[in-house]
N, C-alpha and C. Protein backbone atom coordinates (compact mmCIF):
# COMPACT_ATOMS: atom_id res chain seq x y z
N MET A 1 -19.89 -34.47 2.11
CA MET A 1 -20.97 -33.66 1.59
C MET A 1 -22.13 -34.58 1.25
N LYS A 2 -23.33 -34.16 1.65
CA LYS A 2 -24.51 -34.96 1.37
C LYS A 2 -24.81 -34.97 -0.12
N VAL A 3 -25.46 -36.02 -0.56
CA VAL A 3 -25.77 -36.17 -1.98
C VAL A 3 -26.66 -35.04 -2.47
N GLU A 4 -27.66 -34.64 -1.67
CA GLU A 4 -28.55 -33.55 -2.12
C GLU A 4 -27.81 -32.22 -2.22
N ASN A 5 -26.86 -31.98 -1.29
CA ASN A 5 -26.05 -30.77 -1.37
C ASN A 5 -25.13 -30.80 -2.59
N LEU A 6 -24.61 -31.98 -2.88
CA LEU A 6 -23.75 -32.14 -4.04
C LEU A 6 -24.55 -31.89 -5.32
N GLN A 7 -25.78 -32.42 -5.37
CA GLN A 7 -26.62 -32.21 -6.54
C GLN A 7 -26.97 -30.73 -6.70
N ALA A 8 -27.24 -30.03 -5.58
CA ALA A 8 -27.53 -28.59 -5.64
C ALA A 8 -26.33 -27.82 -6.17
N LEU A 9 -25.15 -28.23 -5.76
CA LEU A 9 -23.93 -27.58 -6.24
C LEU A 9 -23.75 -27.82 -7.73
N ILE A 10 -23.95 -29.04 -8.16
CA ILE A 10 -23.84 -29.36 -9.59
C ILE A 10 -24.85 -28.56 -10.40
N ASP A 11 -26.09 -28.48 -9.90
CA ASP A 11 -27.13 -27.70 -10.58
C ASP A 11 -26.75 -26.23 -10.67
N ALA A 12 -26.20 -25.68 -9.59
CA ALA A 12 -25.81 -24.27 -9.58
C ALA A 12 -24.69 -24.00 -10.59
N ILE A 13 -23.74 -24.92 -10.67
CA ILE A 13 -22.63 -24.76 -11.62
C ILE A 13 -23.15 -24.85 -13.05
N GLU A 14 -24.04 -25.79 -13.29
CA GLU A 14 -24.58 -25.96 -14.65
C GLU A 14 -25.48 -24.79 -15.06
N ASN A 15 -26.04 -24.09 -14.08
CA ASN A 15 -26.93 -22.97 -14.36
C ASN A 15 -26.22 -21.65 -14.09
N ASP A 16 -24.97 -21.53 -14.52
CA ASP A 16 -24.20 -20.32 -14.20
C ASP A 16 -24.79 -19.07 -14.83
N ASP A 17 -25.56 -19.23 -15.91
CA ASP A 17 -26.21 -18.06 -16.49
C ASP A 17 -27.24 -17.47 -15.54
N GLN A 18 -27.83 -18.31 -14.69
CA GLN A 18 -28.79 -17.81 -13.69
C GLN A 18 -28.08 -16.97 -12.63
N TRP A 19 -26.83 -17.30 -12.34
CA TRP A 19 -26.05 -16.48 -11.41
C TRP A 19 -25.73 -15.13 -12.07
N ASP A 20 -25.37 -15.20 -13.35
CA ASP A 20 -24.99 -13.98 -14.07
C ASP A 20 -26.16 -13.01 -14.22
N ASN A 21 -27.35 -13.54 -14.48
CA ASN A 21 -28.50 -12.64 -14.64
C ASN A 21 -29.25 -12.41 -13.32
N ARG A 22 -28.65 -12.85 -12.23
CA ARG A 22 -29.09 -12.59 -10.86
C ARG A 22 -30.40 -13.31 -10.48
N GLU A 23 -30.74 -14.38 -11.22
CA GLU A 23 -31.88 -15.20 -10.80
C GLU A 23 -31.51 -15.97 -9.54
N LEU A 24 -30.24 -16.33 -9.43
CA LEU A 24 -29.73 -17.04 -8.25
C LEU A 24 -28.75 -16.15 -7.50
N GLY A 25 -28.80 -16.22 -6.18
CA GLY A 25 -27.80 -15.57 -5.35
C GLY A 25 -28.00 -14.10 -5.07
N ALA A 26 -29.03 -13.47 -5.61
CA ALA A 26 -29.20 -12.02 -5.43
C ALA A 26 -30.16 -11.68 -4.30
N ASP A 27 -30.83 -12.66 -3.75
CA ASP A 27 -31.79 -12.36 -2.67
C ASP A 27 -31.10 -12.40 -1.31
N GLU A 28 -31.73 -11.82 -0.32
CA GLU A 28 -31.12 -11.74 1.02
C GLU A 28 -30.93 -13.12 1.64
N GLY A 29 -31.73 -14.09 1.25
CA GLY A 29 -31.58 -15.44 1.77
C GLY A 29 -30.28 -16.10 1.36
N SER A 30 -29.66 -15.59 0.31
CA SER A 30 -28.40 -16.15 -0.17
C SER A 30 -27.18 -15.53 0.51
N VAL A 31 -27.43 -14.54 1.33
CA VAL A 31 -26.33 -13.80 1.95
C VAL A 31 -26.20 -14.20 3.41
N LYS A 32 -24.98 -14.39 3.83
CA LYS A 32 -24.71 -14.71 5.23
C LYS A 32 -23.54 -13.85 5.69
N VAL A 33 -23.74 -13.14 6.76
CA VAL A 33 -22.67 -12.32 7.32
C VAL A 33 -21.78 -13.22 8.16
N VAL A 34 -20.50 -13.13 7.90
CA VAL A 34 -19.53 -13.91 8.66
C VAL A 34 -18.66 -12.95 9.44
N ALA A 35 -18.76 -13.03 10.75
CA ALA A 35 -17.93 -12.18 11.60
C ALA A 35 -16.56 -12.84 11.70
N PRO A 36 -15.54 -12.14 11.24
CA PRO A 36 -14.21 -12.76 11.27
C PRO A 36 -13.70 -12.89 12.70
N ASP A 37 -13.21 -14.08 13.02
CA ASP A 37 -12.58 -14.25 14.32
C ASP A 37 -11.14 -13.74 14.22
N ALA A 38 -10.47 -13.66 15.33
CA ALA A 38 -9.12 -13.09 15.37
C ALA A 38 -8.16 -13.87 14.47
N ALA A 39 -8.26 -15.18 14.46
CA ALA A 39 -7.35 -15.99 13.65
C ALA A 39 -7.58 -15.74 12.16
N ARG A 40 -8.84 -15.67 11.75
CA ARG A 40 -9.15 -15.42 10.34
C ARG A 40 -8.69 -14.03 9.93
N GLN A 41 -8.96 -13.03 10.78
CA GLN A 41 -8.55 -11.67 10.46
C GLN A 41 -7.03 -11.57 10.38
N SER A 42 -6.35 -12.25 11.29
CA SER A 42 -4.88 -12.25 11.28
C SER A 42 -4.35 -12.90 10.00
N ALA A 43 -4.99 -13.98 9.56
CA ALA A 43 -4.57 -14.65 8.33
C ALA A 43 -4.77 -13.75 7.12
N VAL A 44 -5.88 -13.03 7.08
CA VAL A 44 -6.15 -12.11 5.97
C VAL A 44 -5.11 -11.00 5.97
N ASP A 45 -4.88 -10.38 7.13
CA ASP A 45 -3.88 -9.32 7.23
C ASP A 45 -2.50 -9.80 6.80
N GLU A 46 -2.12 -10.98 7.24
CA GLU A 46 -0.82 -11.54 6.89
C GLU A 46 -0.71 -11.77 5.39
N SER A 47 -1.78 -12.26 4.78
CA SER A 47 -1.73 -12.57 3.35
C SER A 47 -1.58 -11.32 2.49
N VAL A 48 -2.07 -10.18 2.96
CA VAL A 48 -1.96 -8.94 2.18
C VAL A 48 -0.91 -7.99 2.76
N GLY A 49 -0.18 -8.45 3.78
CA GLY A 49 0.92 -7.67 4.32
C GLY A 49 0.49 -6.46 5.14
N LEU A 50 -0.62 -6.57 5.86
CA LEU A 50 -1.10 -5.46 6.68
C LEU A 50 -0.83 -5.73 8.15
N GLN A 51 -0.66 -4.64 8.90
CA GLN A 51 -0.48 -4.75 10.35
C GLN A 51 -1.34 -3.70 11.01
N MET A 52 -2.09 -4.11 12.01
CA MET A 52 -2.95 -3.19 12.74
C MET A 52 -2.08 -2.29 13.61
N ILE A 53 -2.38 -0.99 13.58
CA ILE A 53 -1.70 -0.05 14.46
C ILE A 53 -2.74 0.82 15.14
N SER A 54 -2.31 1.54 16.13
CA SER A 54 -3.18 2.49 16.81
C SER A 54 -2.49 3.84 16.76
N ILE A 55 -3.24 4.85 16.35
CA ILE A 55 -2.66 6.19 16.23
C ILE A 55 -3.73 7.20 16.62
N ARG A 56 -3.32 8.22 17.33
CA ARG A 56 -4.25 9.29 17.70
C ARG A 56 -4.03 10.46 16.75
N LEU A 57 -5.12 10.90 16.13
CA LEU A 57 -5.06 12.01 15.18
C LEU A 57 -6.09 13.05 15.57
N PRO A 58 -5.84 14.30 15.22
CA PRO A 58 -6.84 15.33 15.49
C PRO A 58 -8.15 15.02 14.74
N LYS A 59 -9.26 15.23 15.42
CA LYS A 59 -10.57 14.94 14.83
C LYS A 59 -10.76 15.70 13.53
N ALA A 60 -10.30 16.95 13.47
CA ALA A 60 -10.45 17.74 12.24
C ALA A 60 -9.71 17.08 11.07
N LEU A 61 -8.53 16.50 11.34
CA LEU A 61 -7.78 15.83 10.29
C LEU A 61 -8.55 14.61 9.78
N ILE A 62 -9.12 13.84 10.69
CA ILE A 62 -9.92 12.68 10.29
C ILE A 62 -11.12 13.12 9.47
N ASP A 63 -11.77 14.21 9.89
CA ASP A 63 -12.91 14.74 9.13
C ASP A 63 -12.49 15.15 7.72
N HIS A 64 -11.31 15.75 7.59
CA HIS A 64 -10.80 16.12 6.27
C HIS A 64 -10.60 14.87 5.41
N PHE A 65 -10.01 13.83 6.00
CA PHE A 65 -9.79 12.60 5.25
C PHE A 65 -11.11 11.94 4.86
N LYS A 66 -12.11 12.00 5.74
CA LYS A 66 -13.42 11.44 5.41
C LYS A 66 -14.03 12.19 4.23
N PHE A 67 -13.92 13.52 4.24
CA PHE A 67 -14.44 14.32 3.14
C PHE A 67 -13.71 13.99 1.84
N LEU A 68 -12.38 13.97 1.92
CA LEU A 68 -11.58 13.67 0.73
C LEU A 68 -11.83 12.25 0.23
N GLY A 69 -12.02 11.33 1.15
CA GLY A 69 -12.35 9.96 0.76
C GLY A 69 -13.66 9.90 0.00
N ASP A 70 -14.66 10.64 0.47
CA ASP A 70 -15.94 10.70 -0.24
C ASP A 70 -15.76 11.28 -1.64
N VAL A 71 -14.97 12.33 -1.74
CA VAL A 71 -14.73 12.97 -3.04
C VAL A 71 -14.09 11.97 -4.01
N HIS A 72 -13.15 11.16 -3.50
CA HIS A 72 -12.41 10.24 -4.36
C HIS A 72 -13.03 8.84 -4.40
N GLY A 73 -14.16 8.66 -3.71
CA GLY A 73 -14.81 7.36 -3.72
C GLY A 73 -14.08 6.29 -2.95
N LEU A 74 -13.39 6.70 -1.88
CA LEU A 74 -12.63 5.76 -1.06
C LEU A 74 -13.04 5.89 0.40
N LYS A 75 -12.82 4.85 1.15
CA LYS A 75 -12.97 4.98 2.60
C LYS A 75 -11.76 5.75 3.12
N TYR A 76 -11.97 6.50 4.19
CA TYR A 76 -10.90 7.40 4.63
C TYR A 76 -9.65 6.67 5.06
N GLN A 77 -9.78 5.47 5.64
CA GLN A 77 -8.59 4.74 6.06
C GLN A 77 -7.80 4.24 4.84
N THR A 78 -8.50 3.86 3.79
CA THR A 78 -7.84 3.47 2.55
C THR A 78 -7.09 4.66 1.97
N LEU A 79 -7.73 5.83 1.98
CA LEU A 79 -7.09 7.04 1.48
C LEU A 79 -5.85 7.37 2.31
N MET A 80 -5.96 7.27 3.63
CA MET A 80 -4.80 7.52 4.50
C MET A 80 -3.66 6.56 4.17
N ARG A 81 -3.99 5.28 3.97
CA ARG A 81 -2.97 4.28 3.66
C ARG A 81 -2.28 4.62 2.34
N GLN A 82 -3.06 5.04 1.33
CA GLN A 82 -2.47 5.40 0.04
C GLN A 82 -1.57 6.63 0.17
N ILE A 83 -2.02 7.62 0.91
CA ILE A 83 -1.24 8.85 1.06
C ILE A 83 0.05 8.56 1.82
N LEU A 84 -0.03 7.78 2.88
CA LEU A 84 1.18 7.44 3.63
C LEU A 84 2.15 6.64 2.77
N ALA A 85 1.64 5.73 1.97
CA ALA A 85 2.51 4.95 1.08
C ALA A 85 3.19 5.85 0.05
N ARG A 86 2.44 6.79 -0.53
CA ARG A 86 3.03 7.70 -1.52
C ARG A 86 4.09 8.58 -0.87
N PHE A 87 3.81 9.07 0.33
CA PHE A 87 4.79 9.92 1.02
C PHE A 87 6.06 9.12 1.33
N ALA A 88 5.88 7.92 1.89
CA ALA A 88 7.05 7.11 2.27
C ALA A 88 7.89 6.77 1.04
N GLU A 89 7.26 6.41 -0.07
CA GLU A 89 7.99 6.09 -1.30
C GLU A 89 8.75 7.32 -1.80
N SER A 90 8.09 8.47 -1.80
CA SER A 90 8.71 9.71 -2.25
C SER A 90 9.90 10.08 -1.37
N GLU A 91 9.73 9.95 -0.07
CA GLU A 91 10.80 10.30 0.87
C GLU A 91 11.98 9.34 0.73
N MET A 92 11.72 8.06 0.50
CA MET A 92 12.80 7.10 0.30
C MET A 92 13.58 7.44 -0.98
N LYS A 93 12.88 7.83 -2.03
CA LYS A 93 13.55 8.24 -3.27
C LYS A 93 14.38 9.49 -3.05
N ARG A 94 13.83 10.45 -2.30
CA ARG A 94 14.55 11.70 -2.02
C ARG A 94 15.85 11.40 -1.27
N LEU A 95 15.77 10.55 -0.26
CA LEU A 95 16.96 10.20 0.52
C LEU A 95 17.97 9.44 -0.34
N ALA A 96 17.50 8.54 -1.20
CA ALA A 96 18.40 7.80 -2.08
C ALA A 96 19.09 8.75 -3.05
N ASN A 97 18.34 9.70 -3.62
CA ASN A 97 18.94 10.67 -4.53
C ASN A 97 19.97 11.54 -3.82
N LYS A 98 19.68 11.91 -2.58
CA LYS A 98 20.62 12.72 -1.80
C LYS A 98 21.92 11.94 -1.55
N ALA A 99 21.79 10.66 -1.23
CA ALA A 99 22.98 9.83 -1.00
C ALA A 99 23.78 9.65 -2.28
N ILE A 100 23.07 9.42 -3.39
CA ILE A 100 23.76 9.26 -4.68
C ILE A 100 24.48 10.55 -5.06
N SER A 101 23.84 11.68 -4.83
CA SER A 101 24.45 12.97 -5.15
C SER A 101 25.71 13.19 -4.31
N ALA A 102 25.64 12.86 -3.03
CA ALA A 102 26.80 13.02 -2.16
C ALA A 102 27.94 12.10 -2.60
N GLN A 103 27.61 10.88 -2.99
CA GLN A 103 28.63 9.95 -3.47
C GLN A 103 29.25 10.45 -4.77
N SER A 104 28.41 10.98 -5.65
CA SER A 104 28.92 11.50 -6.93
C SER A 104 29.86 12.67 -6.70
N LYS A 105 29.47 13.59 -5.81
CA LYS A 105 30.34 14.74 -5.51
C LYS A 105 31.65 14.28 -4.91
N ALA A 106 31.59 13.31 -4.03
CA ALA A 106 32.81 12.80 -3.40
C ALA A 106 33.70 12.13 -4.44
N ALA A 107 33.10 11.37 -5.34
CA ALA A 107 33.88 10.69 -6.38
C ALA A 107 34.51 11.70 -7.34
N ILE A 108 33.76 12.74 -7.69
CA ILE A 108 34.30 13.78 -8.58
C ILE A 108 35.44 14.52 -7.88
N GLY A 109 35.27 14.85 -6.63
CA GLY A 109 36.32 15.53 -5.87
C GLY A 109 37.57 14.68 -5.76
N GLU A 110 37.37 13.39 -5.53
CA GLU A 110 38.51 12.48 -5.43
C GLU A 110 39.21 12.35 -6.77
N ALA A 111 38.44 12.26 -7.84
CA ALA A 111 39.02 12.14 -9.18
C ALA A 111 39.80 13.39 -9.53
N GLU A 112 39.28 14.55 -9.19
CA GLU A 112 39.97 15.81 -9.48
C GLU A 112 41.26 15.93 -8.68
N SER A 113 41.24 15.54 -7.44
CA SER A 113 42.44 15.68 -6.61
C SER A 113 43.52 14.69 -7.02
N THR A 114 43.14 13.52 -7.51
CA THR A 114 44.16 12.54 -7.93
C THR A 114 44.66 12.81 -9.33
N SER A 115 43.85 13.46 -10.16
CA SER A 115 44.29 13.73 -11.53
C SER A 115 45.16 14.97 -11.62
N LYS A 116 45.07 15.89 -10.67
CA LYS A 116 45.85 17.13 -10.67
C LYS A 116 46.53 17.27 -9.31
N PRO A 117 47.71 16.67 -9.15
CA PRO A 117 48.35 16.69 -7.84
C PRO A 117 48.64 18.09 -7.32
N GLY A 118 49.02 19.03 -8.17
CA GLY A 118 49.33 20.38 -7.73
C GLY A 118 48.10 21.17 -7.34
N ARG A 119 46.96 20.79 -7.88
CA ARG A 119 45.72 21.53 -7.61
C ARG A 119 45.35 21.47 -6.13
N GLN A 120 45.47 20.30 -5.51
CA GLN A 120 45.10 20.16 -4.11
C GLN A 120 46.00 21.04 -3.22
N LYS A 121 47.28 21.13 -3.56
CA LYS A 121 48.18 21.97 -2.77
C LYS A 121 47.79 23.43 -2.89
N ARG A 122 47.43 23.86 -4.11
CA ARG A 122 47.01 25.25 -4.30
C ARG A 122 45.73 25.54 -3.53
N LEU A 123 44.78 24.56 -3.54
CA LEU A 123 43.53 24.75 -2.81
C LEU A 123 43.79 24.85 -1.31
N ASN A 124 44.72 24.06 -0.81
CA ASN A 124 45.03 24.10 0.61
C ASN A 124 45.65 25.45 0.99
N LYS A 125 46.50 26.02 0.12
CA LYS A 125 47.12 27.31 0.42
C LYS A 125 46.06 28.41 0.44
N VAL A 126 45.05 28.32 -0.45
CA VAL A 126 44.01 29.34 -0.48
C VAL A 126 43.16 29.27 0.78
N ALA A 127 42.88 28.08 1.22
CA ALA A 127 42.04 27.91 2.41
C ALA A 127 42.79 28.37 3.62
């Protein structure tokens, strides 16, 4: 780093109140658009656990999500991601509860049949 650049950095750090009150850094000259290359975008996606997918949806559905996103102050793709995450979490819980319920019923049935040996024979005769 050049000495003049280093001095500018030191000055900027020492004048942090100027950054806070927007005397520094708020003009368009301080802004630079950086177009992410594929490697940078891939690194960002990897760091936050995202994966690009392609999906075809009805235009009306996308329009609904855009409207709802505006209402909730979100971009529509962010809203879609949140809704899909909530659905998947809810569905996983539903399936887990169903499995637990089936295991509980099986355990209760097994406990009843082993605790009352004559009961199972009577049930078999009725069936």
